[in-house]
Amino acid sequence: MNVLQRESGKSQLDPVVTARFSDLPYPEGVILAEYVWVDAKGDCRSKTRTLPAEKAESVDTLPKWNFDGSSTDQAPGDDSEVILNPCRIFRDPFRPRDDGVDNILVMCDTYTPAGEPLPSNTRYTANLEFEGREEEEVWFGMEQEFTLFNLDERTPLGWPEGGAPGKPQGPYYCSAGPENNFGRMITEGLYRCALYAGIQISGTNGEVMPGQQEYQVGPAVGIDAGDQLMMSRYILQRVCEEYQVFCTLHPKPITEGDWNGAGMHTNVSTLAMREEGGLEVIKQAIYKLGAKHAEHIEVYGEGNELRLTGKFETASIDKFSWGVANRGASIRVG
């Protein structure tokens, strides 16, 4: 009996193999709905269900669903039921159809069976802040950086195994050429999939460290910006799955040597900030952020102390600062 090869998953890269299944027609009147949610660590999980096509007309007609929260660190084993509440519908770029009907991706948030939001359901808390403030028209533009690795999860794309690139930072940012840009196929795939899904993706570029890439989402308004961002991250992971490439959003995946980290610069403005006299409104917001700098850093995720050192286009994690066009400040006004 033959033993499966260690890299057997690469069969999914063979279009002849995948076409045997993807070319099969869908039954009339049904769709596939991929329910996506954020787990306890901030990563995206998903599961698929079959639904009548008319259920996909809005989130209000989509049924709630459930999953085993003990397997995602979101519930104990003796009370593991977690409820998925549909919040936003996107077209599914991984299951396109030619019959005029769309399979869908469904962004969900998470609750206990009693209806209480889970501690990891930060969408619920954020939405409370947006509700009733629609007239402020809060715009978000998010610049998501990410780093691509080989499946060993140690060697970034374009790096020699066990070593570092022969050239320092400089030629890789917004670069072209096989000696400079590593992972363009990932961002190109993400770009097309995000556009197909209905995400307001606005651009991509190669980043400063080799093997690092970036895409931008927005401007999007209010809670919808968060829904689009999280679904874009899910799509990114699915594209990397197809290419058998490991992707991380870790803020400093390479700590040895003079290499940039990876973050997500978030551009934000309210209607008042965009109107005449808006600079003063911006300054007032900056002063409020500065007063709670340490409190905010605590909830920005793990590993930021490795990236926010005051070097490599970052501010120090311990010192709040701001400036116009200053890439070394906590907040850059542009």
C-alpha atoms as a PDB file:
ATOM      1  CA  MET A   1       0.000   0.000   0.000  1.00  0.00           C
ATOM      2  CA  ASN A   2       1.385   3.392  -0.987  1.00  0.00           C
ATOM      3  CA  VAL A   3       1.828   6.062   1.679  1.00  0.00           C
ATOM      4  CA  LEU A   4       0.604   9.564   0.855  1.00  0.00           C
ATOM      5  CA  GLN A   5       3.355  12.043   0.158  1.00  0.00           C
ATOM      6  CA  ARG A   6       3.992  14.742   2.770  1.00  0.00           C
ATOM      7  CA  GLU A   7       2.989  17.450   0.277  1.00  0.00           C
ATOM      8  CA  SER A   8      -0.072  15.665  -1.074  1.00  0.00           C
ATOM      9  CA  GLY A   9      -2.155  18.827  -0.638  1.00  0.00           C
ATOM     10  CA  LYS A  10      -0.513  20.261  -3.730  1.00  0.00           C
ATOM     11  CA  SER A  11      -2.859  18.193  -5.890  1.00  0.00           C
ATOM     12  CA  GLN A  12      -5.303  21.067  -5.483  1.00  0.00           C
ATOM     13  CA  LEU A  13      -2.999  23.141  -7.702  1.00  0.00           C
ATOM     14  CA  ASP A  14      -3.665  20.839 -10.649  1.00  0.00           C
ATOM     15  CA  PRO A  15      -6.499  22.432 -12.661  1.00  0.00           C
ATOM     16  CA  VAL A  16      -7.324  19.085 -14.280  1.00  0.00           C
ATOM     17  CA  VAL A  17      -8.044  17.580 -10.874  1.00  0.00           C
ATOM     18  CA  THR A  18     -10.035  20.496  -9.497  1.00  0.00           C
ATOM     19  CA  ALA A  19     -12.089  20.883 -12.699  1.00  0.00           C
ATOM     20  CA  ARG A  20     -13.541  17.391 -12.227  1.00  0.00           C
ATOM     21  CA  PHE A  21     -15.494  18.740  -9.290  1.00  0.00           C
ATOM     22  CA  SER A  22     -15.801  22.491  -9.840  1.00  0.00           C
ATOM     23  CA  ASP A  23     -17.376  21.937 -13.279  1.00  0.00           C
ATOM     24  CA  LEU A  24     -20.258  19.915 -11.846  1.00  0.00           C
ATOM     25  CA  PRO A  25     -23.550  21.867 -12.130  1.00  0.00           C
ATOM     26  CA  TYR A  26     -25.406  23.081  -9.037  1.00  0.00           C
ATOM     27  CA  PRO A  27     -28.985  21.930  -8.435  1.00  0.00           C
ATOM     28  CA  GLU A  28     -31.587  24.561  -9.246  1.00  0.00           C
ATOM     29  CA  GLY A  29     -32.796  26.719  -6.382  1.00  0.00           C
ATOM     30  CA  VAL A  30     -29.979  26.065  -3.895  1.00  0.00           C
ATOM     31  CA  ILE A  31     -26.817  27.910  -2.916  1.00  0.00           C
ATOM     32  CA  LEU A  32     -23.778  27.232  -0.788  1.00  0.00           C
ATOM     33  CA  ALA A  33     -23.280  29.660   2.100  1.00  0.00           C
ATOM     34  CA  GLU A  34     -19.878  29.870   3.777  1.00  0.00           C
ATOM     35  CA  TYR A  35     -20.421  31.192   7.326  1.00  0.00           C
ATOM     36  CA  VAL A  36     -17.281  33.038   8.491  1.00  0.00           C
ATOM     37  CA  TRP A  37     -16.517  34.186  12.036  1.00  0.00           C
ATOM     38  CA  VAL A  38     -13.634  35.466  14.143  1.00  0.00           C
ATOM     39  CA  ASP A  39     -12.216  33.060  16.716  1.00  0.00           C
ATOM     40  CA  ALA A  40     -10.681  33.730  20.135  1.00  0.00           C
ATOM     41  CA  LYS A  41      -7.286  34.610  18.613  1.00  0.00           C
ATOM     42  CA  GLY A  42      -8.671  36.965  15.969  1.00  0.00           C
ATOM     43  CA  ASP A  43      -8.308  34.488  13.105  1.00  0.00           C
ATOM     44  CA  CYS A  44     -11.154  33.587  10.747  1.00  0.00           C
ATOM     45  CA  ARG A  45     -12.912  30.218  10.780  1.00  0.00           C
ATOM     46  CA  SER A  46     -15.669  29.018   8.457  1.00  0.00           C
ATOM     47  CA  LYS A  47     -18.088  26.232   7.638  1.00  0.00           C
ATOM     48  CA  THR A  48     -20.443  25.631   4.716  1.00  0.00           C
ATOM     49  CA  ARG A  49     -24.154  24.914   4.519  1.00  0.00           C
ATOM     50  CA  THR A  50     -26.696  24.391   1.742  1.00  0.00           C
ATOM     51  CA  LEU A  51     -29.602  26.851   1.660  1.00  0.00           C
ATOM     52  CA  PRO A  52     -32.577  27.673  -0.566  1.00  0.00           C
ATOM     53  CA  ALA A  53     -31.474  30.476  -2.894  1.00  0.00           C
ATOM     54  CA  GLU A  54     -34.189  32.839  -1.628  1.00  0.00           C
ATOM     55  CA  LYS A  55     -32.649  32.747   1.858  1.00  0.00           C
ATOM     56  CA  ALA A  56     -29.653  34.694   0.536  1.00  0.00           C
ATOM     57  CA  GLU A  57     -31.649  37.824  -0.323  1.00  0.00           C
ATOM     58  CA  SER A  58     -30.589  39.545   2.928  1.00  0.00           C
ATOM     59  CA  VAL A  59     -28.994  38.821   6.299  1.00  0.00           C
ATOM     60  CA  ASP A  60     -32.481  38.995   7.817  1.00  0.00           C
ATOM     61  CA  THR A  61     -33.594  35.929   5.871  1.00  0.00           C
ATOM     62  CA  LEU A  62     -30.444  33.912   6.534  1.00  0.00           C
ATOM     63  CA  PRO A  63     -30.783  31.410   9.385  1.00  0.00           C
ATOM     64  CA  LYS A  64     -28.537  31.512  12.411  1.00  0.00           C
ATOM     65  CA  TRP A  65     -26.193  28.573  12.823  1.00  0.00           C
ATOM     66  CA  ASN A  66     -23.973  27.038  15.478  1.00  0.00           C
ATOM     67  CA  PHE A  67     -20.539  25.531  16.033  1.00  0.00           C
ATOM     68  CA  ASP A  68     -18.450  23.807  18.687  1.00  0.00           C
ATOM     69  CA  GLY A  69     -16.868  26.679  20.599  1.00  0.00           C
ATOM     70  CA  SER A  70     -14.657  24.345  22.638  1.00  0.00           C
ATOM     71  CA  SER A  71     -12.660  23.677  19.445  1.00  0.00           C
ATOM     72  CA  THR A  72     -11.993  27.401  18.855  1.00  0.00           C
ATOM     73  CA  ASP A  73     -11.259  28.446  22.475  1.00  0.00           C
ATOM     74  CA  GLN A  74     -14.572  30.309  22.571  1.00  0.00           C
ATOM     75  CA  ALA A  75     -16.534  28.035  24.945  1.00  0.00           C
ATOM     76  CA  PRO A  76     -15.886  25.284  27.519  1.00  0.00           C
ATOM     77  CA  GLY A  77     -16.368  21.654  26.590  1.00  0.00           C
ATOM     78  CA  ASP A  78     -19.321  21.182  28.927  1.00  0.00           C
ATOM     79  CA  ASP A  79     -21.202  24.129  27.396  1.00  0.00           C
ATOM     80  CA  SER A  80     -19.733  24.360  23.919  1.00  0.00           C
ATOM     81  CA  GLU A  81     -22.601  25.642  21.780  1.00  0.00           C
ATOM     82  CA  VAL A  82     -21.918  28.988  20.058  1.00  0.00           C
ATOM     83  CA  ILE A  83     -24.448  30.735  17.841  1.00  0.00           C
ATOM     84  CA  LEU A  84     -23.474  32.357  14.525  1.00  0.00           C
ATOM     85  CA  ASN A  85     -25.470  35.479  13.697  1.00  0.00           C
ATOM     86  CA  PRO A  86     -25.268  36.596  10.018  1.00  0.00           C
ATOM     87  CA  CYS A  87     -24.193  40.246   9.662  1.00  0.00           C
ATOM     88  CA  ARG A  88     -23.008  40.858   6.095  1.00  0.00           C
ATOM     89  CA  ILE A  89     -23.266  38.984   2.767  1.00  0.00           C
ATOM     90  CA  PHE A  90     -20.501  38.825   0.129  1.00  0.00           C
ATOM     91  CA  ARG A  91     -20.325  36.935  -3.173  1.00  0.00           C
ATOM     92  CA  ASP A  92     -18.216  33.798  -2.955  1.00  0.00           C
ATOM     93  CA  PRO A  93     -15.231  34.082  -5.341  1.00  0.00           C
ATOM     94  CA  PHE A  94     -14.161  30.495  -4.707  1.00  0.00           C
ATOM     95  CA  ARG A  95     -17.432  28.962  -5.945  1.00  0.00           C
ATOM     96  CA  PRO A  96     -18.470  31.080  -8.963  1.00  0.00           C
ATOM     97  CA  ARG A  97     -21.539  30.057 -10.947  1.00  0.00           C
ATOM     98  CA  ASP A  98     -22.770  30.751 -14.473  1.00  0.00           C
ATOM     99  CA  ASP A  99     -26.493  30.298 -13.845  1.00  0.00           C
ATOM    100  CA  GLY A 100     -27.210  33.822 -12.574  1.00  0.00           C
ATOM    101  CA  VAL A 101     -27.170  32.751  -8.912  1.00  0.00           C
ATOM    102  CA  ASP A 102     -24.392  33.506  -6.428  1.00  0.00           C
ATOM    103  CA  ASN A 103     -22.966  31.329  -3.721  1.00  0.00           C
ATOM    104  CA  ILE A 104     -22.169  33.535  -0.750  1.00  0.00           C
ATOM    105  CA  LEU A 105     -19.747  34.285   2.059  1.00  0.00           C
ATOM    106  CA  VAL A 106     -21.499  35.346   5.272  1.00  0.00           C
ATOM    107  CA  MET A 107     -19.695  37.430   7.892  1.00  0.00           C
ATOM    108  CA  CYS A 108     -21.079  36.470  11.296  1.00  0.00           C
ATOM    109  CA  ASP A 109     -20.617  37.445  14.911  1.00  0.00           C
ATOM    110  CA  THR A 110     -20.863  35.075  17.862  1.00  0.00           C
ATOM    111  CA  TYR A 111     -23.213  34.626  20.825  1.00  0.00           C
ATOM    112  CA  THR A 112     -24.107  32.194  23.579  1.00  0.00           C
ATOM    113  CA  PRO A 113     -27.390  30.280  23.169  1.00  0.00           C
ATOM    114  CA  ALA A 114     -28.867  32.780  25.648  1.00  0.00           C
ATOM    115  CA  GLY A 115     -28.054  35.626  23.270  1.00  0.00           C
ATOM    116  CA  GLU A 116     -25.055  37.103  25.090  1.00  0.00           C
ATOM    117  CA  PRO A 117     -22.158  38.236  22.858  1.00  0.00           C
ATOM    118  CA  LEU A 118     -18.966  36.263  23.411  1.00  0.00           C
ATOM    119  CA  PRO A 119     -15.934  38.112  24.857  1.00  0.00           C
ATOM    120  CA  SER A 120     -14.264  37.628  21.448  1.00  0.00           C
ATOM    121  CA  ASN A 121     -17.226  39.319  19.703  1.00  0.00           C
ATOM    122  CA  THR A 122     -15.649  42.745  19.422  1.00  0.00           C
ATOM    123  CA  ARG A 123     -17.936  43.515  16.484  1.00  0.00           C
ATOM    124  CA  TYR A 124     -20.871  43.741  18.881  1.00  0.00           C
ATOM    125  CA  THR A 125     -19.080  46.291  21.081  1.00  0.00           C
ATOM    126  CA  ALA A 126     -17.902  48.330  18.105  1.00  0.00           C
ATOM    127  CA  ASN A 127     -21.365  48.434  16.570  1.00  0.00           C
ATOM    128  CA  LEU A 128     -22.800  49.888  19.790  1.00  0.00           C
ATOM    129  CA  GLU A 129     -20.433  52.836  19.345  1.00  0.00           C
ATOM    130  CA  PHE A 130     -21.480  53.406  15.724  1.00  0.00           C
ATOM    131  CA  GLU A 131     -25.228  53.117  16.292  1.00  0.00           C
ATOM    132  CA  GLY A 132     -26.953  56.493  16.460  1.00  0.00           C
ATOM    133  CA  ARG A 133     -23.914  58.328  15.071  1.00  0.00           C
ATOM    134  CA  GLU A 134     -24.573  57.787  11.373  1.00  0.00           C
ATOM    135  CA  GLU A 135     -24.485  61.545  10.725  1.00  0.00           C
ATOM    136  CA  GLU A 136     -20.769  61.586  11.636  1.00  0.00           C
ATOM    137  CA  GLU A 137     -19.984  59.485   8.527  1.00  0.00           C
ATOM    138  CA  VAL A 138     -16.881  57.835   9.960  1.00  0.00           C
ATOM    139  CA  TRP A 139     -14.634  56.738   7.096  1.00  0.00           C
ATOM    140  CA  PHE A 140     -11.958  54.064   7.479  1.00  0.00           C
ATOM    141  CA  GLY A 141      -9.199  53.273   5.006  1.00  0.00           C
ATOM    142  CA  MET A 142      -7.127  50.290   6.112  1.00  0.00           C
ATOM    143  CA  GLU A 143      -3.663  49.349   4.868  1.00  0.00           C
ATOM    144  CA  GLN A 144      -3.178  45.673   5.694  1.00  0.00           C
ATOM    145  CA  GLU A 145       0.410  44.441   5.550  1.00  0.00           C
ATOM    146  CA  PHE A 146       1.184  40.717   5.613  1.00  0.00           C
ATOM    147  CA  THR A 147       4.197  38.442   5.284  1.00  0.00           C
ATOM    148  CA  LEU A 148       4.346  35.324   3.122  1.00  0.00           C
ATOM    149  CA  PHE A 149       6.353  32.242   4.083  1.00  0.00           C
ATOM    150  CA  ASN A 150       7.107  28.843   2.673  1.00  0.00           C
ATOM    151  CA  LEU A 151       5.205  26.031   4.366  1.00  0.00           C
ATOM    152  CA  ASP A 152       8.055  25.582   6.858  1.00  0.00           C
ATOM    153  CA  GLU A 153       6.686  28.825   8.412  1.00  0.00           C
ATOM    154  CA  ARG A 154      10.290  29.986   8.902  1.00  0.00           C
ATOM    155  CA  THR A 155      11.479  31.032   5.438  1.00  0.00           C
ATOM    156  CA  PRO A 156       9.806  34.087   3.878  1.00  0.00           C
ATOM    157  CA  LEU A 157       9.233  33.999   0.137  1.00  0.00           C
ATOM    158  CA  GLY A 158      12.384  35.165  -1.637  1.00  0.00           C
ATOM    159  CA  TRP A 159      14.680  34.304   1.291  1.00  0.00           C
ATOM    160  CA  PRO A 160      17.285  31.533   1.256  1.00  0.00           C
ATOM    161  CA  GLU A 161      16.530  28.718   3.672  1.00  0.00           C
ATOM    162  CA  GLY A 162      18.241  29.415   6.991  1.00  0.00           C
ATOM    163  CA  GLY A 163      19.615  32.760   5.793  1.00  0.00           C
ATOM    164  CA  ALA A 164      18.746  36.297   4.750  1.00  0.00           C
ATOM    165  CA  PRO A 165      18.570  38.126   1.408  1.00  0.00           C
ATOM    166  CA  GLY A 166      21.840  39.405   0.003  1.00  0.00           C
ATOM    167  CA  LYS A 167      20.404  42.906  -0.474  1.00  0.00           C
ATOM    168  CA  PRO A 168      19.218  45.142   2.388  1.00  0.00           C
ATOM    169  CA  GLN A 169      15.852  46.896   2.410  1.00  0.00           C
ATOM    170  CA  GLY A 170      15.349  49.386  -0.383  1.00  0.00           C
ATOM    171  CA  PRO A 171      14.643  47.699  -3.717  1.00  0.00           C
ATOM    172  CA  TYR A 172      11.624  45.655  -2.597  1.00  0.00           C
ATOM    173  CA  TYR A 173       9.027  48.360  -1.888  1.00  0.00           C
ATOM    174  CA  CYS A 174       6.578  48.792  -4.807  1.00  0.00           C
ATOM    175  CA  SER A 175       9.032  46.731  -6.813  1.00  0.00           C
ATOM    176  CA  ALA A 176       9.059  44.733 -10.020  1.00  0.00           C
ATOM    177  CA  GLY A 177      11.221  41.853 -11.138  1.00  0.00           C
ATOM    178  CA  PRO A 178      11.831  38.317  -9.870  1.00  0.00           C
ATOM    179  CA  GLU A 179      14.778  39.466  -7.763  1.00  0.00           C
ATOM    180  CA  ASN A 180      12.655  41.999  -5.839  1.00  0.00           C
ATOM    181  CA  ASN A 181       8.988  41.069  -5.673  1.00  0.00           C
ATOM    182  CA  PHE A 182       7.965  37.836  -3.988  1.00  0.00           C
ATOM    183  CA  GLY A 183       4.286  36.974  -3.693  1.00  0.00           C
ATOM    184  CA  ARG A 184       2.709  39.161  -6.350  1.00  0.00           C
ATOM    185  CA  MET A 185       0.516  36.216  -7.383  1.00  0.00           C
ATOM    186  CA  ILE A 186      -1.013  36.239  -3.897  1.00  0.00           C
ATOM    187  CA  THR A 187      -1.965  39.915  -3.969  1.00  0.00           C
ATOM    188  CA  GLU A 188      -3.240  39.622  -7.552  1.00  0.00           C
ATOM    189  CA  GLY A 189      -5.437  36.681  -6.555  1.00  0.00           C
ATOM    190  CA  LEU A 190      -6.657  38.502  -3.452  1.00  0.00           C
ATOM    191  CA  TYR A 191      -7.404  41.624  -5.510  1.00  0.00           C
ATOM    192  CA  ARG A 192      -9.629  39.840  -8.010  1.00  0.00           C
ATOM    193  CA  CYS A 193     -11.373  37.766  -5.350  1.00  0.00           C
ATOM    194  CA  ALA A 194     -12.063  40.804  -3.168  1.00  0.00           C
ATOM    195  CA  LEU A 195     -13.500  42.776  -6.087  1.00  0.00           C
ATOM    196  CA  TYR A 196     -15.690  39.818  -7.029  1.00  0.00           C
ATOM    197  CA  ALA A 197     -16.878  39.476  -3.429  1.00  0.00           C
ATOM    198  CA  GLY A 198     -17.925  43.135  -3.270  1.00  0.00           C
ATOM    199  CA  ILE A 199     -15.165  44.332  -0.944  1.00  0.00           C
ATOM    200  CA  GLN A 200     -14.003  47.913  -1.470  1.00  0.00           C
ATOM    201  CA  ILE A 201     -10.384  46.940  -2.054  1.00  0.00           C
ATOM    202  CA  SER A 202      -8.613  50.026  -3.351  1.00  0.00           C
ATOM    203  CA  GLY A 203      -5.067  48.904  -4.083  1.00  0.00           C
ATOM    204  CA  THR A 204      -2.075  46.641  -3.450  1.00  0.00           C
ATOM    205  CA  ASN A 205       1.700  47.013  -3.409  1.00  0.00           C
ATOM    206  CA  GLY A 206       4.881  45.198  -2.510  1.00  0.00           C
ATOM    207  CA  GLU A 207       6.205  46.218   0.905  1.00  0.00           C
ATOM    208  CA  VAL A 208       9.607  47.153   2.341  1.00  0.00           C
ATOM    209  CA  MET A 209      10.740  43.710   3.489  1.00  0.00           C
ATOM    210  CA  PRO A 210      11.106  40.994   0.847  1.00  0.00           C
ATOM    211  CA  GLY A 211       8.211  38.568   1.084  1.00  0.00           C
ATOM    212  CA  GLN A 212       5.978  41.265   2.516  1.00  0.00           C
ATOM    213  CA  GLN A 213       2.926  42.620   0.694  1.00  0.00           C
ATOM    214  CA  GLU A 214       0.079  45.056   1.374  1.00  0.00           C
ATOM    215  CA  TYR A 215      -3.474  45.719   0.275  1.00  0.00           C
ATOM    216  CA  GLN A 216      -5.863  48.528   1.102  1.00  0.00           C
ATOM    217  CA  VAL A 217      -9.587  48.412   1.918  1.00  0.00           C
ATOM    218  CA  GLY A 218     -11.793  51.483   1.873  1.00  0.00           C
ATOM    219  CA  PRO A 219     -12.769  54.125   2.383  1.00  0.00           C
ATOM    220  CA  ALA A 220     -15.644  52.257   4.020  1.00  0.00           C
ATOM    221  CA  VAL A 221     -18.131  53.595   6.542  1.00  0.00           C
ATOM    222  CA  GLY A 222     -18.651  52.541  10.146  1.00  0.00           C
ATOM    223  CA  ILE A 223     -19.040  48.897  11.125  1.00  0.00           C
ATOM    224  CA  ASP A 224     -19.058  47.863   7.467  1.00  0.00           C
ATOM    225  CA  ALA A 225     -15.351  48.699   7.339  1.00  0.00           C
ATOM    226  CA  GLY A 226     -14.674  46.015   9.942  1.00  0.00           C
ATOM    227  CA  ASP A 227     -16.845  43.471   8.146  1.00  0.00           C
ATOM    228  CA  GLN A 228     -15.026  44.098   4.876  1.00  0.00           C
ATOM    229  CA  LEU A 229     -11.597  43.941   6.505  1.00  0.00           C
ATOM    230  CA  MET A 230     -12.225  40.640   8.277  1.00  0.00           C
ATOM    231  CA  MET A 231     -13.702  39.066   5.159  1.00  0.00           C
ATOM    232  CA  SER A 232     -10.706  40.292   3.140  1.00  0.00           C
ATOM    233  CA  ARG A 233      -8.407  38.579   5.640  1.00  0.00           C
ATOM    234  CA  TYR A 234     -10.396  35.370   5.245  1.00  0.00           C
ATOM    235  CA  ILE A 235     -10.138  35.624   1.457  1.00  0.00           C
ATOM    236  CA  LEU A 236      -6.388  36.239   1.752  1.00  0.00           C
ATOM    237  CA  GLN A 237      -5.969  33.029   3.720  1.00  0.00           C
ATOM    238  CA  ARG A 238      -8.042  31.105   1.189  1.00  0.00           C
ATOM    239  CA  VAL A 239      -5.907  32.400  -1.692  1.00  0.00           C
ATOM    240  CA  CYS A 240      -2.752  31.404   0.205  1.00  0.00           C
ATOM    241  CA  GLU A 241      -4.298  27.984   0.762  1.00  0.00           C
ATOM    242  CA  GLU A 242      -4.635  27.577  -3.006  1.00  0.00           C
ATOM    243  CA  TYR A 243      -0.978  28.476  -3.535  1.00  0.00           C
ATOM    244  CA  GLN A 244       0.185  26.466  -0.496  1.00  0.00           C
ATOM    245  CA  VAL A 245       1.847  29.545   1.005  1.00  0.00           C
ATOM    246  CA  PHE A 246       1.805  30.404   4.720  1.00  0.00           C
ATOM    247  CA  CYS A 247       0.590  33.920   5.530  1.00  0.00           C
ATOM    248  CA  THR A 248       0.950  35.781   8.817  1.00  0.00           C
ATOM    249  CA  LEU A 249      -0.219  39.169  10.076  1.00  0.00           C
ATOM    250  CA  HIS A 250       2.296  39.070  12.937  1.00  0.00           C
ATOM    251  CA  PRO A 251       3.697  42.577  13.532  1.00  0.00           C
ATOM    252  CA  LYS A 252       7.328  41.433  13.550  1.00  0.00           C
ATOM    253  CA  PRO A 253       7.784  37.975  12.022  1.00  0.00           C
ATOM    254  CA  ILE A 254      11.535  38.510  11.473  1.00  0.00           C
ATOM    255  CA  THR A 255      13.278  39.892  14.564  1.00  0.00           C
ATOM    256  CA  GLU A 256      16.917  39.370  13.542  1.00  0.00           C
ATOM    257  CA  GLY A 257      18.456  41.922  11.203  1.00  0.00           C
ATOM    258  CA  ASP A 258      17.320  45.296   9.905  1.00  0.00           C
ATOM    259  CA  TRP A 259      13.902  44.457   8.537  1.00  0.00           C
ATOM    260  CA  ASN A 260      10.587  46.262   8.752  1.00  0.00           C
ATOM    261  CA  GLY A 261       7.661  44.745  10.598  1.00  0.00           C
ATOM    262  CA  ALA A 262       4.097  44.469   9.312  1.00  0.00           C
ATOM    263  CA  GLY A 263       1.133  46.441  10.621  1.00  0.00           C
ATOM    264  CA  MET A 264      -2.178  47.839   9.561  1.00  0.00           C
ATOM    265  CA  HIS A 265      -2.133  51.612   9.237  1.00  0.00           C
ATOM    266  CA  THR A 266      -5.693  52.834   9.664  1.00  0.00           C
ATOM    267  CA  ASN A 267      -6.792  56.084   8.060  1.00  0.00           C
ATOM    268  CA  VAL A 268      -9.864  57.536   9.755  1.00  0.00           C
ATOM    269  CA  SER A 269     -11.924  60.705   9.477  1.00  0.00           C
ATOM    270  CA  THR A 270     -15.356  61.994  10.411  1.00  0.00           C
ATOM    271  CA  LEU A 271     -17.452  64.367   8.331  1.00  0.00           C
ATOM    272  CA  ALA A 272     -16.376  67.268  10.554  1.00  0.00           C
ATOM    273  CA  MET A 273     -12.712  66.410   9.973  1.00  0.00           C
ATOM    274  CA  ARG A 274     -13.186  66.550   6.213  1.00  0.00           C
ATOM    275  CA  GLU A 275     -14.916  69.939   6.214  1.00  0.00           C
ATOM    276  CA  GLU A 276     -13.578  73.496   6.597  1.00  0.00           C
ATOM    277  CA  GLY A 277     -11.784  73.826   9.928  1.00  0.00           C
ATOM    278  CA  GLY A 278     -11.345  70.064  10.144  1.00  0.00           C
ATOM    279  CA  LEU A 279      -7.739  70.226  11.310  1.00  0.00           C
ATOM    280  CA  GLU A 280      -8.821  71.499  14.725  1.00  0.00           C
ATOM    281  CA  VAL A 281     -11.281  68.623  15.025  1.00  0.00           C
ATOM    282  CA  ILE A 282      -8.474  66.235  14.128  1.00  0.00           C
ATOM    283  CA  LYS A 283      -6.228  67.720  16.816  1.00  0.00           C
ATOM    284  CA  GLN A 284      -8.900  67.307  19.476  1.00  0.00           C
ATOM    285  CA  ALA A 285      -9.245  63.627  18.555  1.00  0.00           C
ATOM    286  CA  ILE A 286      -5.456  63.191  18.669  1.00  0.00           C
ATOM    287  CA  TYR A 287      -5.268  64.683  22.173  1.00  0.00           C
ATOM    288  CA  LYS A 288      -7.940  62.235  23.374  1.00  0.00           C
ATOM    289  CA  LEU A 289      -6.055  59.299  21.854  1.00  0.00           C
ATOM    290  CA  GLY A 290      -2.814  60.450  23.451  1.00  0.00           C
ATOM    291  CA  ALA A 291      -4.416  60.580  26.891  1.00  0.00           C
ATOM    292  CA  LYS A 292      -5.273  56.861  26.665  1.00  0.00           C
ATOM    293  CA  HIS A 293      -2.266  55.638  24.691  1.00  0.00           C
ATOM    294  CA  ALA A 294      -1.225  52.862  27.090  1.00  0.00           C
ATOM    295  CA  GLU A 295      -4.825  51.666  27.474  1.00  0.00           C
ATOM    296  CA  HIS A 296      -5.252  51.434  23.715  1.00  0.00           C
ATOM    297  CA  ILE A 297      -1.934  49.645  23.144  1.00  0.00           C
ATOM    298  CA  GLU A 298      -3.132  46.903  25.495  1.00  0.00           C
ATOM    299  CA  VAL A 299      -5.936  45.936  23.096  1.00  0.00           C
ATOM    300  CA  TYR A 300      -4.059  46.334  19.802  1.00  0.00           C
ATOM    301  CA  GLY A 301      -2.894  42.715  19.822  1.00  0.00           C
ATOM    302  CA  GLU A 302       0.213  40.739  20.722  1.00  0.00           C
ATOM    303  CA  GLY A 303       3.750  41.350  19.514  1.00  0.00           C
ATOM    304  CA  ASN A 304       3.525  45.099  18.945  1.00  0.00           C
ATOM    305  CA  GLU A 305       6.394  45.710  21.359  1.00  0.00           C
ATOM    306  CA  LEU A 306       8.640  43.959  18.807  1.00  0.00           C
ATOM    307  CA  ARG A 307       7.588  46.295  15.997  1.00  0.00           C
ATOM    308  CA  LEU A 308       6.960  49.635  17.727  1.00  0.00           C
ATOM    309  CA  THR A 309      10.560  50.400  18.663  1.00  0.00           C
ATOM    310  CA  GLY A 310      10.998  53.858  17.182  1.00  0.00           C
ATOM    311  CA  LYS A 311      12.941  52.329  14.277  1.00  0.00           C
ATOM    312  CA  PHE A 312      11.906  51.141  10.822  1.00  0.00           C
ATOM    313  CA  GLU A 313       9.185  53.769  10.298  1.00  0.00           C
ATOM    314  CA  THR A 314       7.519  53.242  13.668  1.00  0.00           C
ATOM    315  CA  ALA A 315       6.949  55.189  16.868  1.00  0.00           C
ATOM    316  CA  SER A 316       8.029  53.861  20.263  1.00  0.00           C
ATOM    317  CA  ILE A 317       5.333  51.787  21.934  1.00  0.00           C
ATOM    318  CA  ASP A 318       5.930  53.714  25.181  1.00  0.00           C
ATOM    319  CA  LYS A 319       5.721  57.245  23.788  1.00  0.00           C
ATOM    320  CA  PHE A 320       2.735  58.805  22.037  1.00  0.00           C
ATOM    321  CA  SER A 321       3.501  61.248  19.232  1.00  0.00           C
ATOM    322  CA  TRP A 322       1.916  62.821  16.192  1.00  0.00           C
ATOM    323  CA  GLY A 323       3.004  64.889  13.221  1.00  0.00           C
ATOM    324  CA  VAL A 324       2.196  65.905   9.677  1.00  0.00           C
ATOM    325  CA  ALA A 325       3.618  63.419   7.137  1.00  0.00           C
ATOM    326  CA  ASN A 326       5.753  61.866   9.895  1.00  0.00           C
ATOM    327  CA  ARG A 327       6.047  58.108   9.403  1.00  0.00           C
ATOM    328  CA  GLY A 328       7.829  57.772  12.754  1.00  0.00           C
ATOM    329  CA  ALA A 329       4.867  59.106  14.736  1.00  0.00           C
ATOM    330  CA  SER A 330       2.046  57.251  16.451  1.00  0.00           C
ATOM    331  CA  ILE A 331      -0.424  59.263  14.384  1.00  0.00           C
ATOM    332  CA  ARG A 332       0.420  60.769  11.013  1.00  0.00           C
ATOM    333  CA  VAL A 333      -1.738  63.595   9.702  1.00  0.00           C
ATOM    334  CA  GLY A 334      -1.771  63.648   5.929  1.00  0.00           C
END
